[in-house]
């Protein structure tokens, strides 16, 4: 490993929070050790590592994402509200200091170069379509039209990170798995499986909803 590929990085373990590259994460800093960490980070390059803490396992993940502080508002009681943006992913090689806050020796990780760009592009298109279907079916079930944001990433790697970050429900395990994958195609393939299964379930619920509505409408004016 070269000197450029490895560095010490302050670490901020967060219960079941998985940060992805290019995603915004607002944080409220109130613990004394993390107030100290924030001051240290602001005095250097405004970067620290967000790493998922698994409450069930009682351990910190091996892979996290570097967060860069974009905005910081410190209150009179020394608490701070910050807005961060996910940057590079990293692997924790070693925790070199525990107090007053964790500092890890980390190495940066990137996705491998794709072997087949056409196949990756086709997969990305299928994933985006599945995502659109899920959003539209969800809106139909909720009774209000919904659509994807206009700034949805169009590059396969960035799209895969966006989807991983926006999975709904208690999905920290799945998000951590997606974050650690270093093959864009594999990450998109797993996301397609998740979205396709969700799409099938929503479609079935939509059919049931329409069926019950059709059965109910003829008798709406009478009670017997």
Protein backbone atom coordinates (compact mmCIF):
# COMPACT_ATOMS: atom_id res chain seq x y z
CA UNK A 1 0.00 0.00 0.00
CA UNK A 2 1.25 3.45 -0.82
CA UNK A 3 1.33 6.36 1.58
CA UNK A 4 -1.47 8.00 -0.41
CA UNK A 5 -3.73 4.96 -0.04
CA UNK A 6 -3.54 4.74 3.77
CA UNK A 7 -4.20 7.39 6.41
CA UNK A 8 -5.39 7.92 9.95
CA UNK A 9 -9.02 9.03 10.14
CA UNK A 10 -11.24 9.98 13.11
CA UNK A 11 -14.11 7.49 13.32
CA UNK A 12 -17.73 8.17 14.24
CA UNK A 13 -19.59 4.86 14.86
CA UNK A 14 -23.36 5.32 14.46
CA UNK A 15 -25.96 2.66 15.34
CA UNK A 16 -27.37 1.16 12.12
CA UNK A 17 -26.37 4.16 9.99
CA UNK A 18 -24.69 3.38 6.65
CA UNK A 19 -23.40 6.35 4.69
CA UNK A 20 -22.89 6.04 0.92
CA UNK A 21 -20.73 8.22 -1.37
CA UNK A 22 -22.39 11.45 -2.53
CA UNK A 23 -25.21 11.17 0.02
CA UNK A 24 -25.99 13.94 2.51
CA UNK A 25 -26.01 13.10 6.22
CA UNK A 26 -27.03 15.71 8.82
CA UNK A 27 -25.79 15.04 12.36
CA UNK A 28 -26.28 16.52 15.83
CA UNK A 29 -23.04 16.44 17.81
CA UNK A 30 -23.53 16.53 21.58
CA UNK A 31 -21.29 13.98 23.32
CA UNK A 32 -18.10 15.56 24.73
CA UNK A 33 -15.78 13.14 22.90
CA UNK A 34 -17.42 13.92 19.55
CA UNK A 35 -17.40 17.66 20.25
CA UNK A 36 -13.64 17.23 20.61
CA UNK A 37 -13.52 15.18 17.43
CA UNK A 38 -15.45 17.89 15.57
CA UNK A 39 -13.04 20.60 16.67
CA UNK A 40 -10.10 18.45 15.56
CA UNK A 41 -11.69 17.73 12.19
CA UNK A 42 -12.59 21.38 11.55
CA UNK A 43 -8.98 22.35 12.26
CA UNK A 44 -7.70 19.90 9.62
CA UNK A 45 -9.44 18.75 6.42
CA UNK A 46 -13.08 18.62 7.68
CA UNK A 47 -13.24 14.85 7.13
CA UNK A 48 -14.03 11.91 9.39
CA UNK A 49 -15.24 8.36 8.94
CA UNK A 50 -18.85 7.25 9.46
CA UNK A 51 -18.97 3.58 10.37
CA UNK A 52 -22.02 1.49 11.17
CA UNK A 53 -22.20 0.24 14.75
CA UNK A 54 -24.22 -2.98 14.99
CA UNK A 55 -26.17 -2.89 18.29
CA UNK A 56 -27.06 -6.58 18.00
CA UNK A 57 -23.48 -7.74 17.48
CA UNK A 58 -21.93 -5.00 19.61
CA UNK A 59 -19.27 -4.26 17.03
CA UNK A 60 -18.21 -1.72 14.44
CA UNK A 61 -18.22 -2.56 10.73
CA UNK A 62 -14.94 -3.00 8.87
CA UNK A 63 -16.02 -0.76 5.97
CA UNK A 64 -17.32 2.80 6.26
CA UNK A 65 -17.56 6.01 4.27
CA UNK A 66 -15.62 9.23 4.70
CA UNK A 67 -17.82 12.24 5.47
CA UNK A 68 -16.84 15.81 4.60
CA UNK A 69 -18.38 18.61 6.65
CA UNK A 70 -20.21 21.06 4.41
CA UNK A 71 -21.90 23.16 7.10
CA UNK A 72 -21.45 23.51 10.84
CA UNK A 73 -23.52 25.52 13.33
CA UNK A 74 -22.29 25.45 16.92
CA UNK A 75 -24.69 26.48 19.67
CA UNK A 76 -23.94 28.32 22.90
CA UNK A 77 -23.79 25.03 24.86
CA UNK A 78 -21.11 23.73 22.45
CA UNK A 79 -23.49 21.33 20.73
CA UNK A 80 -23.34 21.44 16.94
CA UNK A 81 -25.53 20.70 13.96
CA UNK A 82 -23.52 19.68 10.94
CA UNK A 83 -24.28 18.66 7.36
CA UNK A 84 -21.92 16.17 5.78
CA UNK A 85 -21.47 14.62 2.34
CA UNK A 86 -20.28 11.06 1.77
CA UNK A 87 -16.97 10.77 -0.07
CA UNK A 88 -14.71 7.72 -0.52
CA UNK A 89 -15.33 4.37 1.12
CA UNK A 90 -12.63 2.93 3.33
CA UNK A 91 -11.66 -0.24 5.15
CA UNK A 92 -10.57 -0.02 8.78
CA UNK A 93 -7.20 -1.74 8.99
CA UNK A 94 -6.65 -1.02 12.67
CA UNK A 95 -8.03 1.17 15.44
CA UNK A 96 -4.93 3.08 16.52
CA UNK A 97 -6.58 5.14 19.29
CA UNK A 98 -9.72 4.70 21.40
CA UNK A 99 -9.71 7.91 23.44
CA UNK A 100 -10.83 10.61 23.53
CA UNK A 101 -12.41 9.38 20.28
CA UNK A 102 -11.68 6.51 17.92
CA UNK A 103 -9.03 6.97 15.26
CA UNK A 104 -8.50 4.30 12.64
CA UNK A 105 -5.80 3.48 10.15
CA UNK A 106 -7.84 3.14 6.95
CA UNK A 107 -7.29 2.27 3.31
CA UNK A 108 -9.47 3.70 0.56
CA UNK A 109 -11.49 1.27 -1.55
CA UNK A 110 -13.03 1.74 -5.00
CA UNK A 111 -15.10 -0.38 -7.36
CA UNK A 112 -13.26 -2.58 -9.84
CA UNK A 113 -13.28 -1.52 -13.50
CA UNK A 114 -16.28 -3.10 -15.26
CA UNK A 115 -15.51 -5.95 -17.64
CA UNK A 116 -18.50 -5.37 -19.91
CA UNK A 117 -19.77 -1.79 -20.20
CA UNK A 118 -22.77 -2.71 -22.39
CA UNK A 119 -23.98 -5.34 -19.94
CA UNK A 120 -23.54 -2.91 -17.06
CA UNK A 121 -25.50 -0.23 -18.92
CA UNK A 122 -28.35 -2.65 -19.66
CA UNK A 123 -28.47 -3.76 -16.02
CA UNK A 124 -28.48 -0.15 -14.87
CA UNK A 125 -31.46 0.58 -17.16
CA UNK A 126 -33.36 -2.43 -15.79
CA UNK A 127 -32.67 -1.32 -12.23
CA UNK A 128 -33.86 2.22 -12.96
CA UNK A 129 -37.07 0.88 -14.54
CA UNK A 130 -37.72 -1.37 -11.55
CA UNK A 131 -37.17 1.61 -9.28
CA UNK A 132 -39.65 3.71 -11.28
CA UNK A 133 -42.22 0.91 -11.11
CA UNK A 134 -41.83 0.60 -7.34
CA UNK A 135 -42.28 4.35 -6.87
CA UNK A 136 -45.34 4.49 -9.15
CA UNK A 137 -47.00 1.44 -7.55
CA UNK A 138 -46.35 2.84 -4.09
CA UNK A 139 -47.98 6.11 -5.11
CA UNK A 140 -50.99 4.27 -6.50
CA UNK A 141 -51.47 2.32 -3.28
CA UNK A 142 -51.16 5.49 -1.22
CA UNK A 143 -53.61 7.32 -3.47
CA UNK A 144 -51.22 10.08 -4.50
CA UNK A 145 -48.91 10.23 -7.53
CA UNK A 146 -45.20 9.95 -6.74
CA UNK A 147 -42.16 10.13 -8.97
CA UNK A 148 -38.40 9.83 -8.80
CA UNK A 149 -36.28 12.95 -8.23
CA UNK A 150 -35.14 14.71 -11.38
CA UNK A 151 -31.50 14.55 -10.27
CA UNK A 152 -31.39 10.75 -10.05
CA UNK A 153 -27.81 9.68 -10.95
CA UNK A 154 -27.45 8.29 -14.47
CA UNK A 155 -24.04 6.61 -14.06
CA UNK A 156 -24.27 2.96 -12.93
CA UNK A 157 -21.97 3.24 -9.91
CA UNK A 158 -23.58 6.43 -8.61
CA UNK A 159 -27.06 5.01 -9.22
CA UNK A 160 -26.18 1.91 -7.20
CA UNK A 161 -25.00 4.07 -4.29
CA UNK A 162 -28.16 6.20 -4.44
CA UNK A 163 -30.42 3.15 -4.34
CA UNK A 164 -28.44 1.62 -1.48
CA UNK A 165 -28.80 4.81 0.52
CA UNK A 166 -32.56 5.10 -0.09
CA UNK A 167 -33.67 1.58 0.78
CA UNK A 168 -36.65 1.78 3.12
CA UNK A 169 -37.22 0.10 6.47
CA UNK A 170 -34.77 -1.59 8.87
CA UNK A 171 -32.25 -2.53 6.20
CA UNK A 172 -28.87 -1.66 7.73
CA UNK A 173 -27.58 -5.20 7.15
CA UNK A 174 -28.43 -5.03 3.45
CA UNK A 175 -27.02 -1.51 3.16
CA UNK A 176 -23.74 -2.56 4.77
CA UNK A 177 -23.45 -5.49 2.38
CA UNK A 178 -24.03 -3.19 -0.60
CA UNK A 179 -21.51 -0.65 0.69
CA UNK A 180 -18.80 -3.31 0.96
CA UNK A 181 -19.24 -4.68 -2.58
CA UNK A 182 -16.48 -3.49 -4.92
CA UNK A 183 -18.19 -4.64 -8.15
CA UNK A 184 -20.76 -2.16 -9.50
CA UNK A 185 -22.49 -4.85 -11.54
CA UNK A 186 -22.89 -7.13 -8.52
CA UNK A 187 -24.24 -4.28 -6.40
CA UNK A 188 -26.79 -3.39 -9.09
CA UNK A 189 -27.72 -7.06 -9.52
CA UNK A 190 -28.52 -7.41 -5.83
CA UNK A 191 -30.48 -4.16 -5.89
CA UNK A 192 -32.47 -5.34 -8.90
CA UNK A 193 -33.44 -8.50 -7.03
CA UNK A 194 -34.64 -6.42 -4.07
CA UNK A 195 -36.56 -3.97 -6.27
CA UNK A 196 -38.07 -6.68 -8.47
CA UNK A 197 -39.37 -8.58 -5.44
CA UNK A 198 -40.82 -5.35 -4.03
CA UNK A 199 -42.37 -4.57 -7.43
CA UNK A 200 -44.07 -7.97 -7.54
CA UNK A 201 -45.48 -7.56 -4.04
CA UNK A 202 -46.76 -4.04 -4.75
CA UNK A 203 -48.30 -5.13 -8.04
CA UNK A 204 -50.18 -7.93 -6.27
CA UNK A 205 -51.45 -5.50 -3.62
CA UNK A 206 -52.54 -3.08 -6.35
CA UNK A 207 -54.57 -5.82 -8.07
CA UNK A 208 -56.26 -6.68 -4.77
CA UNK A 209 -57.00 -3.03 -4.07
CA UNK A 210 -58.56 -2.58 -7.52
CA UNK A 211 -60.57 -5.79 -7.14
CA UNK A 212 -62.04 -4.79 -3.79
CA UNK A 213 -62.84 -1.33 -5.12
CA UNK A 214 -64.69 -2.83 -8.10
CA UNK A 215 -66.64 -5.16 -5.79
CA UNK A 216 -67.56 -2.33 -3.45
CA UNK A 217 -68.67 0.30 -5.96
CA UNK A 218 -72.03 -1.25 -7.11
CA UNK A 219 -73.35 -1.33 -3.54
CA UNK A 220 -72.03 1.97 -2.32
CA UNK A 221 -75.53 3.56 -2.18
CA UNK A 222 -77.26 0.84 -0.15
CA UNK A 223 -76.84 -0.82 3.23
CA UNK A 224 -78.43 -4.19 3.71
